[in-house]
PDB file of N, CA and C in Angstrom:
ATOM      1  N   MET A   1      -0.093  -9.883  14.452  1.00  0.00           N
ATOM      2  CA  MET A   1      -1.107  -9.778  13.419  1.00  0.00           C
ATOM      3  C   MET A   1      -0.433  -9.656  12.052  1.00  0.00           C
ATOM      4  N   LEU A   2      -1.029 -10.278  11.094  1.00  0.00           N
ATOM      5  CA  LEU A   2      -0.568 -10.233   9.710  1.00  0.00           C
ATOM      6  C   LEU A   2      -1.699  -9.652   8.875  1.00  0.00           C
ATOM      7  N   ARG A   3      -1.396  -8.601   8.127  1.00  0.00           N
ATOM      8  CA  ARG A   3      -2.419  -7.920   7.332  1.00  0.00           C
ATOM      9  C   ARG A   3      -1.868  -7.669   5.932  1.00  0.00           C
ATOM     10  N   ILE A   4      -2.755  -7.771   4.943  1.00  0.00           N
ATOM     11  CA  ILE A   4      -2.398  -7.415   3.581  1.00  0.00           C
ATOM     12  C   ILE A   4      -3.406  -6.395   3.069  1.00  0.00           C
ATOM     13  N   TYR A   5      -2.890  -5.286   2.575  1.00  0.00           N
ATOM     14  CA  TYR A   5      -3.717  -4.313   1.882  1.00  0.00           C
ATOM     15  C   TYR A   5      -3.744  -4.781   0.437  1.00  0.00           C
ATOM     16  N   HIS A   6      -4.913  -5.213   0.012  1.00  0.00           N
ATOM     17  CA  HIS A   6      -5.063  -6.050  -1.168  1.00  0.00           C
ATOM     18  C   HIS A   6      -6.045  -5.467  -2.178  1.00  0.00           C
ATOM     19  N   ASN A   7      -5.715  -5.661  -3.447  1.00  0.00           N
ATOM     20  CA  ASN A   7      -6.638  -5.353  -4.538  1.00  0.00           C
ATOM     21  C   ASN A   7      -6.778  -6.644  -5.336  1.00  0.00           C
ATOM     22  N   PRO A   8      -7.923  -7.313  -5.260  1.00  0.00           N
ATOM     23  CA  PRO A   8      -8.082  -8.601  -5.927  1.00  0.00           C
ATOM     24  C   PRO A   8      -7.962  -8.534  -7.445  1.00  0.00           C
ATOM     25  N   ARG A   9      -8.031  -7.355  -8.025  1.00  0.00           N
ATOM     26  CA  ARG A   9      -7.894  -7.210  -9.473  1.00  0.00           C
ATOM     27  C   ARG A   9      -6.435  -7.069  -9.899  1.00  0.00           C
ATOM     28  N   CYS A  10      -5.527  -6.962  -8.945  1.00  0.00           N
ATOM     29  CA  CYS A  10      -4.100  -6.768  -9.228  1.00  0.00           C
ATOM     30  C   CYS A  10      -3.368  -8.108  -9.147  1.00  0.00           C
ATOM     31  N   SER A  11      -2.660  -8.464 -10.209  1.00  0.00           N
ATOM     32  CA  SER A  11      -1.953  -9.753 -10.232  1.00  0.00           C
ATOM     33  C   SER A  11      -0.863  -9.831  -9.168  1.00  0.00           C
ATOM     34  N   LYS A  12      -0.171  -8.748  -8.899  1.00  0.00           N
ATOM     35  CA  LYS A  12       0.883  -8.753  -7.865  1.00  0.00           C
ATOM     36  C   LYS A  12       0.272  -8.955  -6.482  1.00  0.00           C
ATOM     37  N   SER A  13      -0.863  -8.343  -6.266  1.00  0.00           N
ATOM     38  CA  SER A  13      -1.549  -8.473  -4.986  1.00  0.00           C
ATOM     39  C   SER A  13      -2.053  -9.905  -4.794  1.00  0.00           C
ATOM     40  N   ARG A  14      -2.624 -10.470  -5.831  1.00  0.00           N
ATOM     41  CA  ARG A  14      -3.087 -11.864  -5.757  1.00  0.00           C
ATOM     42  C   ARG A  14      -1.914 -12.805  -5.519  1.00  0.00           C
ATOM     43  N   ALA A  15      -0.793 -12.548  -6.177  1.00  0.00           N
ATOM     44  CA  ALA A  15       0.387 -13.403  -6.001  1.00  0.00           C
ATOM     45  C   ALA A  15       0.926 -13.307  -4.576  1.00  0.00           C
ATOM     46  N   ALA A  16       0.930 -12.121  -4.005  1.00  0.00           N
ATOM     47  CA  ALA A  16       1.401 -11.951  -2.626  1.00  0.00           C
ATOM     48  C   ALA A  16       0.496 -12.691  -1.653  1.00  0.00           C
ATOM     49  N   LEU A  17      -0.802 -12.586  -1.845  1.00  0.00           N
ATOM     50  CA  LEU A  17      -1.745 -13.289  -0.982  1.00  0.00           C
ATOM     51  C   LEU A  17      -1.547 -14.797  -1.100  1.00  0.00           C
ATOM     52  N   THR A  18      -1.339 -15.287  -2.299  1.00  0.00           N
ATOM     53  CA  THR A  18      -1.086 -16.717  -2.509  1.00  0.00           C
ATOM     54  C   THR A  18       0.189 -17.154  -1.804  1.00  0.00           C
ATOM     55  N   LEU A  19       1.246 -16.349  -1.882  1.00  0.00           N
ATOM     56  CA  LEU A  19       2.495 -16.675  -1.184  1.00  0.00           C
ATOM     57  C   LEU A  19       2.262 -16.846   0.317  1.00  0.00           C
ATOM     58  N   LEU A  20       1.472 -15.950   0.888  1.00  0.00           N
ATOM     59  CA  LEU A  20       1.174 -16.048   2.319  1.00  0.00           C
ATOM     60  C   LEU A  20       0.397 -17.328   2.613  1.00  0.00           C
ATOM     61  N   GLN A  21      -0.626 -17.580   1.823  1.00  0.00           N
ATOM     62  CA  GLN A  21      -1.470 -18.751   2.049  1.00  0.00           C
ATOM     63  C   GLN A  21      -0.697 -20.053   1.848  1.00  0.00           C
ATOM     64  N   GLU A  22       0.206 -20.091   0.897  1.00  0.00           N
ATOM     65  CA  GLU A  22       1.022 -21.286   0.665  1.00  0.00           C
ATOM     66  C   GLU A  22       1.916 -21.599   1.857  1.00  0.00           C
ATOM     67  N   ARG A  23       2.187 -20.605   2.664  1.00  0.00           N
ATOM     68  CA  ARG A  23       3.004 -20.793   3.864  1.00  0.00           C
ATOM     69  C   ARG A  23       2.147 -21.039   5.099  1.00  0.00           C
ATOM     70  N   GLY A  24       0.861 -21.272   4.878  1.00  0.00           N
ATOM     71  CA  GLY A  24      -0.038 -21.566   5.980  1.00  0.00           C
ATOM     72  C   GLY A  24      -0.456 -20.346   6.779  1.00  0.00           C
ATOM     73  N   LEU A  25      -0.233 -19.174   6.235  1.00  0.00           N
ATOM     74  CA  LEU A  25      -0.569 -17.935   6.930  1.00  0.00           C
ATOM     75  C   LEU A  25      -1.930 -17.434   6.465  1.00  0.00           C
ATOM     76  N   THR A  26      -2.693 -16.926   7.419  1.00  0.00           N
ATOM     77  CA  THR A  26      -4.021 -16.398   7.114  1.00  0.00           C
ATOM     78  C   THR A  26      -4.055 -14.928   7.505  1.00  0.00           C
ATOM     79  N   PRO A  27      -3.733 -14.060   6.560  1.00  0.00           N
ATOM     80  CA  PRO A  27      -3.706 -12.634   6.895  1.00  0.00           C
ATOM     81  C   PRO A  27      -5.098 -12.031   6.984  1.00  0.00           C
ATOM     82  N   ASP A  28      -5.167 -10.940   7.703  1.00  0.00           N
ATOM     83  CA  ASP A  28      -6.354 -10.090   7.678  1.00  0.00           C
ATOM     84  C   ASP A  28      -6.281  -9.375   6.329  1.00  0.00           C
ATOM     85  N   VAL A  29      -7.260  -9.627   5.473  1.00  0.00           N
ATOM     86  CA  VAL A  29      -7.250  -9.050   4.122  1.00  0.00           C
ATOM     87  C   VAL A  29      -8.080  -7.772   4.120  1.00  0.00           C
ATOM     88  N   VAL A  30      -7.428  -6.668   3.783  1.00  0.00           N
ATOM     89  CA  VAL A  30      -8.108  -5.379   3.686  1.00  0.00           C
ATOM     90  C   VAL A  30      -8.158  -5.005   2.207  1.00  0.00           C
ATOM     91  N   GLU A  31      -9.346  -5.064   1.641  1.00  0.00           N
ATOM     92  CA  GLU A  31      -9.513  -4.597   0.265  1.00  0.00           C
ATOM     93  C   GLU A  31      -9.572  -3.074   0.333  1.00  0.00           C
ATOM     94  N   TYR A  32      -8.413  -2.462   0.181  1.00  0.00           N
ATOM     95  CA  TYR A  32      -8.274  -1.045   0.489  1.00  0.00           C
ATOM     96  C   TYR A  32      -9.055  -0.125  -0.451  1.00  0.00           C
ATOM     97  N   LEU A  33      -9.498  -0.619  -1.601  1.00  0.00           N
ATOM     98  CA  LEU A  33     -10.344   0.218  -2.451  1.00  0.00           C
ATOM     99  C   LEU A  33     -11.762   0.283  -1.908  1.00  0.00           C
ATOM    100  N   LYS A  34     -12.178  -0.768  -1.194  1.00  0.00           N
ATOM    101  CA  LYS A  34     -13.503  -0.785  -0.563  1.00  0.00           C
ATOM    102  C   LYS A  34     -13.463  -0.165   0.821  1.00  0.00           C
ATOM    103  N   THR A  35     -12.365  -0.399   1.534  1.00  0.00           N
ATOM    104  CA  THR A  35     -12.182   0.115   2.890  1.00  0.00           C
ATOM    105  C   THR A  35     -10.844   0.841   2.949  1.00  0.00           C
ATOM    106  N   PRO A  36     -10.797   2.062   2.432  1.00  0.00           N
ATOM    107  CA  PRO A  36      -9.515   2.762   2.352  1.00  0.00           C
ATOM    108  C   PRO A  36      -8.989   3.197   3.718  1.00  0.00           C
ATOM    109  N   PRO A  37      -7.671   3.145   3.868  1.00  0.00           N
ATOM    110  CA  PRO A  37      -7.079   3.659   5.103  1.00  0.00           C
ATOM    111  C   PRO A  37      -7.236   5.181   5.154  1.00  0.00           C
ATOM    112  N   ASP A  38      -7.419   5.696   6.353  1.00  0.00           N
ATOM    113  CA  ASP A  38      -7.509   7.149   6.484  1.00  0.00           C
ATOM    114  C   ASP A  38      -6.099   7.733   6.561  1.00  0.00           C
ATOM    115  N   ALA A  39      -6.011   9.031   6.661  1.00  0.00           N
ATOM    116  CA  ALA A  39      -4.709   9.697   6.658  1.00  0.00           C
ATOM    117  C   ALA A  39      -3.819   9.210   7.804  1.00  0.00           C
ATOM    118  N   GLY A  40      -4.396   9.005   8.977  1.00  0.00           N
ATOM    119  CA  GLY A  40      -3.605   8.511  10.113  1.00  0.00           C
ATOM    120  C   GLY A  40      -3.067   7.123   9.877  1.00  0.00           C
ATOM    121  N   GLN A  41      -3.899   6.256   9.317  1.00  0.00           N
ATOM    122  CA  GLN A  41      -3.452   4.893   9.013  1.00  0.00           C
ATOM    123  C   GLN A  41      -2.366   4.910   7.940  1.00  0.00           C
ATOM    124  N   LEU A  42      -2.510   5.774   6.954  1.00  0.00           N
ATOM    125  CA  LEU A  42      -1.487   5.887   5.920  1.00  0.00           C
ATOM    126  C   LEU A  42      -0.162   6.379   6.500  1.00  0.00           C
ATOM    127  N   ALA A  43      -0.238   7.339   7.399  1.00  0.00           N
ATOM    128  CA  ALA A  43       0.986   7.844   8.033  1.00  0.00           C
ATOM    129  C   ALA A  43       1.679   6.727   8.808  1.00  0.00           C
ATOM    130  N   THR A  44       0.901   5.906   9.493  1.00  0.00           N
ATOM    131  CA  THR A  44       1.467   4.766  10.220  1.00  0.00           C
ATOM    132  C   THR A  44       2.098   3.769   9.253  1.00  0.00           C
ATOM    133  N   LEU A  45       1.399   3.461   8.161  1.00  0.00           N
ATOM    134  CA  LEU A  45       1.951   2.545   7.153  1.00  0.00           C
ATOM    135  C   LEU A  45       3.268   3.071   6.594  1.00  0.00           C
ATOM    136  N   LEU A  46       3.317   4.354   6.298  1.00  0.00           N
ATOM    137  CA  LEU A  46       4.552   4.942   5.765  1.00  0.00           C
ATOM    138  C   LEU A  46       5.700   4.813   6.755  1.00  0.00           C
ATOM    139  N   LYS A  47       5.408   5.018   8.025  1.00  0.00           N
ATOM    140  CA  LYS A  47       6.432   4.871   9.058  1.00  0.00           C
ATOM    141  C   LYS A  47       6.906   3.417   9.108  1.00  0.00           C
ATOM    142  N   GLN A  48       5.958   2.471   9.050  1.00  0.00           N
ATOM    143  CA  GLN A  48       6.311   1.056   9.084  1.00  0.00           C
ATOM    144  C   GLN A  48       7.104   0.649   7.841  1.00  0.00           C
ATOM    145  N   LEU A  49       6.779   1.252   6.718  1.00  0.00           N
ATOM    146  CA  LEU A  49       7.496   0.974   5.476  1.00  0.00           C
ATOM    147  C   LEU A  49       8.857   1.661   5.449  1.00  0.00           C
ATOM    148  N   GLY A  50       8.979   2.770   6.174  1.00  0.00           N
ATOM    149  CA  GLY A  50      10.226   3.527   6.179  1.00  0.00           C
ATOM    150  C   GLY A  50      10.456   4.296   4.886  1.00  0.00           C
ATOM    151  N   ILE A  51       9.353   4.767   4.285  1.00  0.00           N
ATOM    152  CA  ILE A  51       9.450   5.504   3.028  1.00  0.00           C
ATOM    153  C   ILE A  51       8.636   6.788   3.106  1.00  0.00           C
ATOM    154  N   PRO A  52       8.956   7.766   2.242  1.00  0.00           N
ATOM    155  CA  PRO A  52       8.135   8.970   2.177  1.00  0.00           C
ATOM    156  C   PRO A  52       6.851   8.693   1.396  1.00  0.00           C
ATOM    157  N   ALA A  53       5.869   9.543   1.570  1.00  0.00           N
ATOM    158  CA  ALA A  53       4.570   9.371   0.912  1.00  0.00           C
ATOM    159  C   ALA A  53       4.704   9.255  -0.603  1.00  0.00           C
ATOM    160  N   ARG A  54       5.574  10.038  -1.190  1.00  0.00           N
ATOM    161  CA  ARG A  54       5.736  10.024  -2.642  1.00  0.00           C
ATOM    162  C   ARG A  54       6.104   8.629  -3.157  1.00  0.00           C
ATOM    163  N   ALA A  55       6.836   7.862  -2.366  1.00  0.00           N
ATOM    164  CA  ALA A  55       7.271   6.516  -2.780  1.00  0.00           C
ATOM    165  C   ALA A  55       6.118   5.507  -2.775  1.00  0.00           C
ATOM    166  N   LEU A  56       5.006   5.855  -2.153  1.00  0.00           N
ATOM    167  CA  LEU A  56       3.854   4.961  -2.094  1.00  0.00           C
ATOM    168  C   LEU A  56       2.817   5.295  -3.169  1.00  0.00           C
ATOM    169  N   LEU A  57       3.047   6.374  -3.880  1.00  0.00           N
ATOM    170  CA  LEU A  57       2.100   6.812  -4.907  1.00  0.00           C
ATOM    171  C   LEU A  57       2.249   6.026  -6.206  1.00  0.00           C
ATOM    172  N   ARG A  58       1.121   5.693  -6.803  1.00  0.00           N
ATOM    173  CA  ARG A  58       1.095   5.070  -8.133  1.00  0.00           C
ATOM    174  C   ARG A  58       1.015   6.206  -9.157  1.00  0.00           C
ATOM    175  N   SER A  59       2.150   6.589  -9.678  1.00  0.00           N
ATOM    176  CA  SER A  59       2.220   7.754 -10.565  1.00  0.00           C
ATOM    177  C   SER A  59       1.616   7.503 -11.943  1.00  0.00           C
ATOM    178  N   GLY A  60       1.330   6.259 -12.284  1.00  0.00           N
ATOM    179  CA  GLY A  60       0.740   5.952 -13.578  1.00  0.00           C
ATOM    180  C   GLY A  60      -0.766   6.118 -13.629  1.00  0.00           C
ATOM    181  N   GLU A  61      -1.387   6.373 -12.503  1.00  0.00           N
ATOM    182  CA  GLU A  61      -2.841   6.536 -12.459  1.00  0.00           C
ATOM    183  C   GLU A  61      -3.243   7.905 -13.010  1.00  0.00           C
ATOM    184  N   ALA A  62      -4.345   7.950 -13.733  1.00  0.00           N
ATOM    185  CA  ALA A  62      -4.827   9.201 -14.318  1.00  0.00           C
ATOM    186  C   ALA A  62      -5.061  10.269 -13.255  1.00  0.00           C
ATOM    187  N   ILE A  63      -5.591   9.871 -12.109  1.00  0.00           N
ATOM    188  CA  ILE A  63      -5.878  10.832 -11.044  1.00  0.00           C
ATOM    189  C   ILE A  63      -4.598  11.489 -10.523  1.00  0.00           C
ATOM    190  N   TYR A  64      -3.482  10.801 -10.622  1.00  0.00           N
ATOM    191  CA  TYR A  64      -2.184  11.362 -10.220  1.00  0.00           C
ATOM    192  C   TYR A  64      -1.900  12.618 -11.049  1.00  0.00           C
ATOM    193  N   ARG A  65      -2.088  12.509 -12.356  1.00  0.00           N
ATOM    194  CA  ARG A  65      -1.851  13.647 -13.252  1.00  0.00           C
ATOM    195  C   ARG A  65      -2.914  14.725 -13.044  1.00  0.00           C
ATOM    196  N   GLU A  66      -4.167  14.294 -12.914  1.00  0.00           N
ATOM    197  CA  GLU A  66      -5.266  15.250 -12.747  1.00  0.00           C
ATOM    198  C   GLU A  66      -5.075  16.122 -11.511  1.00  0.00           C
ATOM    199  N   LEU A  67      -4.557  15.534 -10.452  1.00  0.00           N
ATOM    200  CA  LEU A  67      -4.366  16.272  -9.203  1.00  0.00           C
ATOM    201  C   LEU A  67      -3.025  17.007  -9.150  1.00  0.00           C
ATOM    202  N   GLY A  68      -2.201  16.829 -10.166  1.00  0.00           N
ATOM    203  CA  GLY A  68      -0.898  17.497 -10.192  1.00  0.00           C
ATOM    204  C   GLY A  68       0.041  17.008  -9.107  1.00  0.00           C
ATOM    205  N   LEU A  69      -0.026  15.720  -8.792  1.00  0.00           N
ATOM    206  CA  LEU A  69       0.769  15.185  -7.688  1.00  0.00           C
ATOM    207  C   LEU A  69       2.256  15.074  -8.003  1.00  0.00           C
ATOM    208  N   ASP A  70       2.632  15.372  -9.228  1.00  0.00           N
ATOM    209  CA  ASP A  70       4.052  15.370  -9.569  1.00  0.00           C
ATOM    210  C   ASP A  70       4.745  16.660  -9.113  1.00  0.00           C
ATOM    211  N   ASP A  71       3.988  17.594  -8.575  1.00  0.00           N
ATOM    212  CA  ASP A  71       4.530  18.862  -8.090  1.00  0.00           C
ATOM    213  C   ASP A  71       5.435  18.600  -6.884  1.00  0.00           C
ATOM    214  N   PRO A  72       6.745  18.870  -7.020  1.00  0.00           N
ATOM    215  CA  PRO A  72       7.661  18.599  -5.908  1.00  0.00           C
ATOM    216  C   PRO A  72       7.410  19.468  -4.679  1.00  0.00           C
ATOM    217  N   ALA A  73       6.630  20.528  -4.818  1.00  0.00           N
ATOM    218  CA  ALA A  73       6.336  21.398  -3.679  1.00  0.00           C
ATOM    219  C   ALA A  73       5.307  20.781  -2.734  1.00  0.00           C
ATOM    220  N   LEU A  74       4.597  19.731  -3.187  1.00  0.00           N
ATOM    221  CA  LEU A  74       3.598  19.095  -2.329  1.00  0.00           C
ATOM    222  C   LEU A  74       4.292  18.337  -1.204  1.00  0.00           C
ATOM    223  N   GLY A  75       3.852  18.585  -0.001  1.00  0.00           N
ATOM    224  CA  GLY A  75       4.437  17.945   1.166  1.00  0.00           C
ATOM    225  C   GLY A  75       3.762  16.625   1.511  1.00  0.00           C
ATOM    226  N   GLU A  76       4.273  15.991   2.548  1.00  0.00           N
ATOM    227  CA  GLU A  76       3.762  14.693   3.001  1.00  0.00           C
ATOM    228  C   GLU A  76       2.264  14.729   3.278  1.00  0.00           C
ATOM    229  N   ASP A  77       1.808  15.750   3.992  1.00  0.00           N
ATOM    230  CA  ASP A  77       0.387  15.820   4.353  1.00  0.00           C
ATOM    231  C   ASP A  77      -0.503  15.871   3.123  1.00  0.00           C
ATOM    232  N   ALA A  78      -0.116  16.636   2.112  1.00  0.00           N
ATOM    233  CA  ALA A  78      -0.910  16.754   0.893  1.00  0.00           C
ATOM    234  C   ALA A  78      -0.946  15.428   0.137  1.00  0.00           C
ATOM    235  N   LEU A  79       0.183  14.750   0.085  1.00  0.00           N
ATOM    236  CA  LEU A  79       0.237  13.471  -0.626  1.00  0.00           C
ATOM    237  C   LEU A  79      -0.559  12.396   0.113  1.00  0.00           C
ATOM    238  N   ILE A  80      -0.465  12.394   1.425  1.00  0.00           N
ATOM    239  CA  ILE A  80      -1.234  11.442   2.234  1.00  0.00           C
ATOM    240  C   ILE A  80      -2.727  11.717   2.073  1.00  0.00           C
ATOM    241  N   ALA A  81      -3.107  12.981   2.098  1.00  0.00           N
ATOM    242  CA  ALA A  81      -4.519  13.340   1.919  1.00  0.00           C
ATOM    243  C   ALA A  81      -5.028  12.878   0.554  1.00  0.00           C
ATOM    244  N   ALA A  82      -4.205  13.002  -0.471  1.00  0.00           N
ATOM    245  CA  ALA A  82      -4.607  12.562  -1.815  1.00  0.00           C
ATOM    246  C   ALA A  82      -4.819  11.052  -1.841  1.00  0.00           C
ATOM    247  N   MET A  83      -3.933  10.299  -1.189  1.00  0.00           N
ATOM    248  CA  MET A  83      -4.089   8.844  -1.150  1.00  0.00           C
ATOM    249  C   MET A  83      -5.311   8.434  -0.339  1.00  0.00           C
ATOM    250  N   ALA A  84      -5.578   9.149   0.737  1.00  0.00           N
ATOM    251  CA  ALA A  84      -6.761   8.839   1.555  1.00  0.00           C
ATOM    252  C   ALA A  84      -8.041   9.100   0.762  1.00  0.00           C
ATOM    253  N   ALA A  85      -8.047  10.173  -0.019  1.00  0.00           N
ATOM    254  CA  ALA A  85      -9.221  10.519  -0.806  1.00  0.00           C
ATOM    255  C   ALA A  85      -9.363   9.653  -2.066  1.00  0.00           C
ATOM    256  N   HIS A  86      -8.241   9.183  -2.588  1.00  0.00           N
ATOM    257  CA  HIS A  86      -8.214   8.412  -3.833  1.00  0.00           C
ATOM    258  C   HIS A  86      -7.326   7.184  -3.636  1.00  0.00           C
ATOM    259  N   PRO A  87      -7.836   6.149  -2.968  1.00  0.00           N
ATOM    260  CA  PRO A  87      -6.987   5.001  -2.618  1.00  0.00           C
ATOM    261  C   PRO A  87      -6.391   4.265  -3.815  1.00  0.00           C
ATOM    262  N   ILE A  88      -6.893   4.498  -5.024  1.00  0.00           N
ATOM    263  CA  ILE A  88      -6.293   3.882  -6.211  1.00  0.00           C
ATOM    264  C   ILE A  88      -4.842   4.350  -6.372  1.00  0.00           C
ATOM    265  N   LEU A  89      -4.491   5.454  -5.722  1.00  0.00           N
ATOM    266  CA  LEU A  89      -3.132   5.988  -5.788  1.00  0.00           C
ATOM    267  C   LEU A  89      -2.138   5.207  -4.936  1.00  0.00           C
ATOM    268  N   ILE A  90      -2.626   4.345  -4.055  1.00  0.00           N
ATOM    269  CA  ILE A  90      -1.745   3.626  -3.125  1.00  0.00           C
ATOM    270  C   ILE A  90      -1.142   2.410  -3.812  1.00  0.00           C
ATOM    271  N   GLU A  91       0.180   2.319  -3.752  1.00  0.00           N
ATOM    272  CA  GLU A  91       0.870   1.150  -4.300  1.00  0.00           C
ATOM    273  C   GLU A  91       0.433  -0.088  -3.540  1.00  0.00           C
ATOM    274  N   ARG A  92       0.416  -1.210  -4.226  1.00  0.00           N
ATOM    275  CA  ARG A  92      -0.062  -2.448  -3.625  1.00  0.00           C
ATOM    276  C   ARG A  92       0.747  -3.617  -4.115  1.00  0.00           C
ATOM    277  N   PRO A  93       0.640  -4.700  -3.394  1.00  0.00           N
ATOM    278  CA  PRO A  93       0.048  -4.890  -2.072  1.00  0.00           C
ATOM    279  C   PRO A  93       1.018  -4.433  -0.981  1.00  0.00           C
ATOM    280  N   ILE A  94       0.475  -4.173   0.173  1.00  0.00           N
ATOM    281  CA  ILE A  94       1.288  -3.867   1.352  1.00  0.00           C
ATOM    282  C   ILE A  94       0.984  -4.940   2.382  1.00  0.00           C
ATOM    283  N   VAL A  95       2.046  -5.549   2.905  1.00  0.00           N
ATOM    284  CA  VAL A  95       1.885  -6.556   3.944  1.00  0.00           C
ATOM    285  C   VAL A  95       2.500  -6.012   5.224  1.00  0.00           C
ATOM    286  N   VAL A  96       1.750  -6.139   6.313  1.00  0.00           N
ATOM    287  CA  VAL A  96       2.178  -5.628   7.620  1.00  0.00           C
ATOM    288  C   VAL A  96       2.231  -6.792   8.603  1.00  0.00           C
ATOM    289  N   ARG A  97       3.328  -6.852   9.342  1.00  0.00           N
ATOM    290  CA  ARG A  97       3.460  -7.868  10.390  1.00  0.00           C
ATOM    291  C   ARG A  97       4.372  -7.338  11.488  1.00  0.00           C
ATOM    292  N   ASP A  98       3.902  -7.461  12.712  1.00  0.00           N
ATOM    293  CA  ASP A  98       4.696  -7.081  13.883  1.00  0.00           C
ATOM    294  C   ASP A  98       5.295  -5.680  13.772  1.00  0.00           C
ATOM    295  N   GLY A  99       4.491  -4.730  13.324  1.00  0.00           N
ATOM    296  CA  GLY A  99       4.938  -3.341  13.266  1.00  0.00           C
ATOM    297  C   GLY A  99       5.842  -3.005  12.095  1.00  0.00           C
ATOM    298  N   LYS A 100       6.062  -3.950  11.206  1.00  0.00           N
ATOM    299  CA  LYS A 100       6.870  -3.701  10.017  1.00  0.00           C
ATOM    300  C   LYS A 100       5.993  -3.917   8.792  1.00  0.00           C
ATOM    301  N   ALA A 101       6.320  -3.219   7.718  1.00  0.00           N
ATOM    302  CA  ALA A 101       5.543  -3.354   6.490  1.00  0.00           C
ATOM    303  C   ALA A 101       6.477  -3.405   5.298  1.00  0.00           C
ATOM    304  N   VAL A 102       5.968  -3.997   4.228  1.00  0.00           N
ATOM    305  CA  VAL A 102       6.723  -4.095   2.988  1.00  0.00           C
ATOM    306  C   VAL A 102       5.745  -4.058   1.820  1.00  0.00           C
ATOM    307  N   ILE A 103       6.194  -3.460   0.727  1.00  0.00           N
ATOM    308  CA  ILE A 103       5.401  -3.446  -0.496  1.00  0.00           C
ATOM    309  C   ILE A 103       5.751  -4.700  -1.286  1.00  0.00           C
ATOM    310  N   GLY A 104       4.740  -5.417  -1.715  1.00  0.00           N
ATOM    311  CA  GLY A 104       4.934  -6.679  -2.427  1.00  0.00           C
ATOM    312  C   GLY A 104       5.135  -6.505  -3.919  1.00  0.00           C
ATOM    313  N   ARG A 105       6.114  -5.724  -4.301  1.00  0.00           N
ATOM    314  CA  ARG A 105       6.492  -5.549  -5.705  1.00  0.00           C
ATOM    315  C   ARG A 105       7.982  -5.722  -5.807  1.00  0.00           C
ATOM    316  N   PRO A 106       8.438  -6.859  -6.218  1.00  0.00           N
ATOM    317  CA  PRO A 106       7.688  -8.034  -6.614  1.00  0.00           C
ATOM    318  C   PRO A 106       7.096  -8.736  -5.385  1.00  0.00           C
ATOM    319  N   PRO A 107       6.146  -9.645  -5.610  1.00  0.00           N
ATOM    320  CA  PRO A 107       5.469 -10.305  -4.482  1.00  0.00           C
ATOM    321  C   PRO A 107       6.433 -10.962  -3.505  1.00  0.00           C
ATOM    322  N   GLU A 108       7.559 -11.449  -3.972  1.00  0.00           N
ATOM    323  CA  GLU A 108       8.533 -12.125  -3.104  1.00  0.00           C
ATOM    324  C   GLU A 108       9.103 -11.196  -2.035  1.00  0.00           C
ATOM    325  N   ASN A 109       8.966  -9.901  -2.215  1.00  0.00           N
ATOM    326  CA  ASN A 109       9.429  -8.945  -1.187  1.00  0.00           C
ATOM    327  C   ASN A 109       8.788  -9.220   0.163  1.00  0.00           C
ATOM    328  N   ILE A 110       7.567  -9.723   0.153  1.00  0.00           N
ATOM    329  CA  ILE A 110       6.857  -9.914   1.420  1.00  0.00           C
ATOM    330  C   ILE A 110       7.498 -10.991   2.282  1.00  0.00           C
ATOM    331  N   LEU A 111       8.284 -11.862   1.670  1.00  0.00           N
ATOM    332  CA  LEU A 111       8.924 -12.930   2.430  1.00  0.00           C
ATOM    333  C   LEU A 111       9.906 -12.396   3.469  1.00  0.00           C
ATOM    334  N   SER A 112      10.349 -11.163   3.292  1.00  0.00           N
ATOM    335  CA  SER A 112      11.302 -10.590   4.241  1.00  0.00           C
ATOM    336  C   SER A 112      10.691 -10.351   5.620  1.00  0.00           C
ATOM    337  N   ILE A 113       9.349 -10.304   5.714  1.00  0.00           N
ATOM    338  CA  ILE A 113       8.732 -10.089   7.030  1.00  0.00           C
ATOM    339  C   ILE A 113       7.858 -11.249   7.476  1.00  0.00           C
ATOM    340  N   VAL A 114       7.777 -12.290   6.667  1.00  0.00           N
ATOM    341  CA  VAL A 114       6.989 -13.437   7.086  1.00  0.00           C
ATOM    342  C   VAL A 114       7.927 -14.563   7.443  1.00  0.00           C
TER     343      VAL A 114
END
């Protein structure tokens, strides 16, 4: 299965989706702002990405500052819960294939798993 966690308003996300389609691939498109992953799904994505929760956070979002997510004392569970509650905090796009995932920043990163 090939899946992209996608935000159609994001140029990087659109570029990643186009890269997949240009290669004849038809991913399952999850508009994660409309259908956000829950905490369990986020934990799985982080494992597939091989990164800690903090590395998946969009620190430039206003809600990041409002929630005080820059606090180094916050653990994985707290950061995952924040992303589940506020999916705008999740870096995008994320492409998943065969149990592996990659963040498409830059979009060409996704080619490593396709």
